[in-house]
Amino acid sequence: MKKLLELFLTFFKIGAFTFGGGYAMIPLIQKEAAEKKGWIQKDDILEIVAVAESTPGPIAINAATLIGFRHAGFFGAFFATLGVVLPSFVIIAALTFIFEAFKNNRVVAYAFAGIRAGVLALLIHALYTMFKQVQKNAFSYIIMGLAFIAVAVFKVNILFVVIGAAVLGLVYSFMAQRRAKK
């Protein structure tokens, strides 16, 4: 029961104090789950992000579910997911009632502009952290470039990009193993 409460409270804190969606939560998830709690290894965050990105649903919720499941099974997944979702649900429910009164307020508009800038910094930090952990070779750079072009220029669905990257990775690994045997 203590594990479940700890999962719930940790992910509740992450959900309550992170603005900007799932990618902005990745550095906090890594810090809390890997560095502070030791539920996952620091290197596991790339794997968790890859799986969370390739499954339906928001990345932060999927990551919380995966980490919760790894740490405490089904109920761990349930309480971690509930913890990360509940703050947003409560905040959005409350904001729907008061937003109309403040939507034209300049102070609120400036506050949201500041929040967007902070979220951008968090996203850049997540990108930098993940980039440091990825294997650096020509193949990796080509996959990164192709994935970026596919999504940014051609608006390819992210699921297809992830599947395509996985297939290319498997083919590359298979070819590398065959070359190593010769």
Protein backbone atom coordinates (compact mmCIF):
# COMPACT_ATOMS: atom_id res chain seq x y z
CA MET A 1 0.00 0.00 0.00
CA LYS A 2 2.90 2.34 0.76
CA LYS A 3 4.28 1.82 -2.78
CA LEU A 4 0.92 2.71 -4.30
CA LEU A 5 0.55 5.87 -2.23
CA GLU A 6 4.11 6.90 -3.08
CA LEU A 7 3.45 6.35 -6.80
CA PHE A 8 0.20 8.31 -6.61
CA LEU A 9 1.73 11.25 -4.72
CA THR A 10 4.84 11.41 -6.90
CA PHE A 11 2.88 11.46 -10.14
CA PHE A 12 0.27 13.78 -8.63
CA LYS A 13 3.09 16.25 -7.94
CA ILE A 14 4.41 15.85 -11.49
CA GLY A 15 0.92 16.36 -12.92
CA ALA A 16 0.19 19.35 -10.67
CA PHE A 17 3.39 21.31 -11.22
CA THR A 18 4.15 20.77 -14.89
CA PHE A 19 2.65 22.98 -17.57
CA GLY A 20 2.88 22.28 -21.27
CA GLY A 21 1.90 18.67 -21.66
CA GLY A 22 3.70 15.38 -21.70
CA TYR A 23 7.06 16.36 -23.15
CA ALA A 24 7.44 19.06 -20.54
CA MET A 25 6.92 16.37 -17.88
CA ILE A 26 9.72 14.11 -19.13
CA PRO A 27 12.53 15.88 -17.19
CA LEU A 28 10.45 15.77 -13.99
CA ILE A 29 9.53 12.13 -14.52
CA GLN A 30 13.20 11.30 -15.06
CA LYS A 31 14.26 13.22 -11.97
CA GLU A 32 11.58 11.75 -9.70
CA ALA A 33 11.34 8.17 -11.00
CA ALA A 34 14.99 7.54 -11.84
CA GLU A 35 17.14 9.87 -9.77
CA LYS A 36 15.13 10.32 -6.55
CA LYS A 37 13.05 7.15 -6.25
CA GLY A 38 15.14 4.65 -8.24
CA TRP A 39 12.04 3.05 -9.78
CA ILE A 40 13.77 3.00 -13.16
CA GLN A 41 17.35 3.38 -14.33
CA LYS A 42 18.37 6.74 -15.79
CA ASP A 43 18.96 5.09 -19.17
CA ASP A 44 15.45 3.58 -19.14
CA ILE A 45 13.82 6.98 -19.77
CA LEU A 46 14.54 6.79 -23.53
CA GLU A 47 12.94 3.35 -23.69
CA ILE A 48 9.92 4.50 -21.69
CA VAL A 49 9.50 7.61 -23.85
CA ALA A 50 9.73 5.49 -27.02
CA VAL A 51 7.08 3.05 -25.80
CA ALA A 52 4.90 5.83 -24.38
CA GLU A 53 5.13 7.74 -27.66
CA SER A 54 4.23 4.73 -29.77
CA THR A 55 1.14 3.76 -27.79
CA PRO A 56 -2.18 5.60 -28.02
CA GLY A 57 -2.69 8.42 -25.55
CA PRO A 58 -0.71 11.24 -24.01
CA ILE A 59 2.97 10.51 -23.45
CA ALA A 60 3.06 11.53 -19.76
CA ILE A 61 0.10 9.31 -18.91
CA ASN A 62 1.62 6.39 -20.80
CA ALA A 63 5.00 6.95 -19.12
CA ALA A 64 3.38 7.09 -15.66
CA THR A 65 1.47 3.89 -16.44
CA LEU A 66 4.62 2.07 -17.59
CA ILE A 67 6.69 3.19 -14.60
CA GLY A 68 3.87 2.38 -12.18
CA PHE A 69 3.49 -1.08 -13.72
CA ARG A 70 7.23 -1.75 -13.55
CA HIS A 71 7.35 -0.71 -9.92
CA ALA A 72 4.13 -2.18 -8.51
CA GLY A 73 2.22 -4.11 -11.17
CA PHE A 74 -1.36 -3.40 -12.21
CA PHE A 75 -2.28 -1.29 -9.18
CA GLY A 76 0.98 0.63 -9.49
CA ALA A 77 0.04 1.50 -13.07
CA PHE A 78 -3.45 2.49 -11.94
CA PHE A 79 -2.33 4.79 -9.11
CA ALA A 80 0.53 6.37 -11.07
CA THR A 81 -1.88 7.11 -13.93
CA LEU A 82 -4.53 8.46 -11.58
CA GLY A 83 -1.92 10.64 -9.90
CA VAL A 84 -0.68 12.22 -13.12
CA VAL A 85 -4.20 12.77 -14.54
CA LEU A 86 -6.08 14.02 -11.48
CA PRO A 87 -4.44 17.48 -11.17
CA SER A 88 -5.16 18.36 -14.80
CA PHE A 89 -8.73 17.12 -14.52
CA VAL A 90 -9.39 19.20 -11.39
CA ILE A 91 -7.66 22.30 -12.79
CA ILE A 92 -9.47 22.12 -16.14
CA ALA A 93 -12.81 21.56 -14.44
CA ALA A 94 -12.23 24.60 -12.21
CA LEU A 95 -10.93 26.78 -15.05
CA THR A 96 -13.95 26.15 -17.24
CA PHE A 97 -16.07 27.94 -14.66
CA ILE A 98 -13.81 30.98 -14.23
CA PHE A 99 -12.19 31.34 -17.65
CA GLU A 100 -14.97 33.46 -19.13
CA ALA A 101 -14.45 36.11 -16.47
CA PHE A 102 -10.70 36.40 -17.14
CA LYS A 103 -10.27 35.64 -20.84
CA ASN A 104 -9.79 39.31 -21.80
CA ASN A 105 -7.59 40.22 -18.82
CA ARG A 106 -4.12 41.43 -19.91
CA VAL A 107 -2.40 40.08 -16.80
CA VAL A 108 -3.71 36.59 -17.53
CA ALA A 109 -2.57 36.86 -21.16
CA TYR A 110 0.93 37.91 -20.06
CA ALA A 111 1.07 35.11 -17.51
CA PHE A 112 0.26 32.55 -20.21
CA ALA A 113 2.93 34.06 -22.48
CA GLY A 114 5.45 33.55 -19.69
CA ILE A 115 4.25 30.01 -19.07
CA ARG A 116 4.66 29.19 -22.79
CA ALA A 117 8.26 30.44 -22.69
CA GLY A 118 8.98 28.30 -19.63
CA VAL A 119 7.43 25.25 -21.27
CA LEU A 120 9.61 25.79 -24.34
CA ALA A 121 12.67 25.74 -22.08
CA LEU A 122 11.48 22.47 -20.52
CA LEU A 123 10.97 20.93 -23.96
CA ILE A 124 14.46 21.97 -25.05
CA HIS A 125 15.87 20.47 -21.85
CA ALA A 126 14.04 17.18 -22.53
CA LEU A 127 15.40 17.16 -26.08
CA TYR A 128 18.93 17.82 -24.83
CA THR A 129 18.71 15.09 -22.18
CA MET A 130 17.40 12.53 -24.65
CA PHE A 131 19.98 13.56 -27.27
CA LYS A 132 22.81 12.99 -24.79
CA GLN A 133 21.59 9.43 -24.20
CA VAL A 134 21.00 8.38 -27.80
CA GLN A 135 23.69 6.44 -29.66
CA LYS A 136 25.60 8.87 -31.85
CA ASN A 137 26.48 7.53 -35.28
CA ALA A 138 25.59 8.37 -38.86
CA PHE A 139 22.60 6.02 -38.82
CA SER A 140 21.11 7.69 -35.72
CA TYR A 141 21.53 11.16 -37.23
CA ILE A 142 19.90 10.04 -40.48
CA ILE A 143 16.92 8.53 -38.60
CA MET A 144 16.55 11.70 -36.50
CA GLY A 145 16.64 13.88 -39.61
CA LEU A 146 14.20 11.73 -41.56
CA ALA A 147 11.80 11.53 -38.61
CA PHE A 148 11.90 15.30 -38.16
CA ILE A 149 11.31 15.97 -41.87
CA ALA A 150 8.49 13.40 -42.00
CA VAL A 151 6.66 15.02 -39.08
CA ALA A 152 7.51 18.72 -39.58
CA VAL A 153 7.37 18.96 -43.37
CA PHE A 154 5.14 16.14 -44.55
CA LYS A 155 2.88 15.96 -41.47
CA VAL A 156 3.24 12.16 -41.27
CA ASN A 157 1.42 10.62 -38.31
CA ILE A 158 3.86 10.12 -35.41
CA LEU A 159 2.83 6.49 -35.03
CA PHE A 160 4.02 5.73 -38.57
CA VAL A 161 7.28 7.58 -37.92
CA VAL A 162 7.93 5.54 -34.76
CA ILE A 163 7.10 2.27 -36.53
CA GLY A 164 9.27 3.25 -39.49
CA ALA A 165 12.19 4.15 -37.21
CA ALA A 166 11.80 0.82 -35.39
CA VAL A 167 11.81 -1.11 -38.67
CA LEU A 168 14.87 0.78 -39.92
CA GLY A 169 16.60 0.14 -36.59
CA LEU A 170 15.90 -3.57 -36.83
CA VAL A 171 17.15 -3.74 -40.42
CA TYR A 172 20.28 -1.77 -39.50
CA SER A 173 20.98 -4.04 -36.49
CA PHE A 174 20.44 -7.16 -38.59
CA MET A 175 22.80 -5.88 -41.29
CA ALA A 176 25.42 -4.85 -38.70
CA GLN A 177 25.32 -8.32 -37.14
CA ARG A 178 25.73 -10.00 -40.54
CA ARG A 179 28.73 -7.76 -41.33
CA ALA A 180 30.28 -8.55 -37.95
CA LYS A 181 30.04 -12.31 -38.62
CA LYS A 182 31.95 -12.04 -41.93
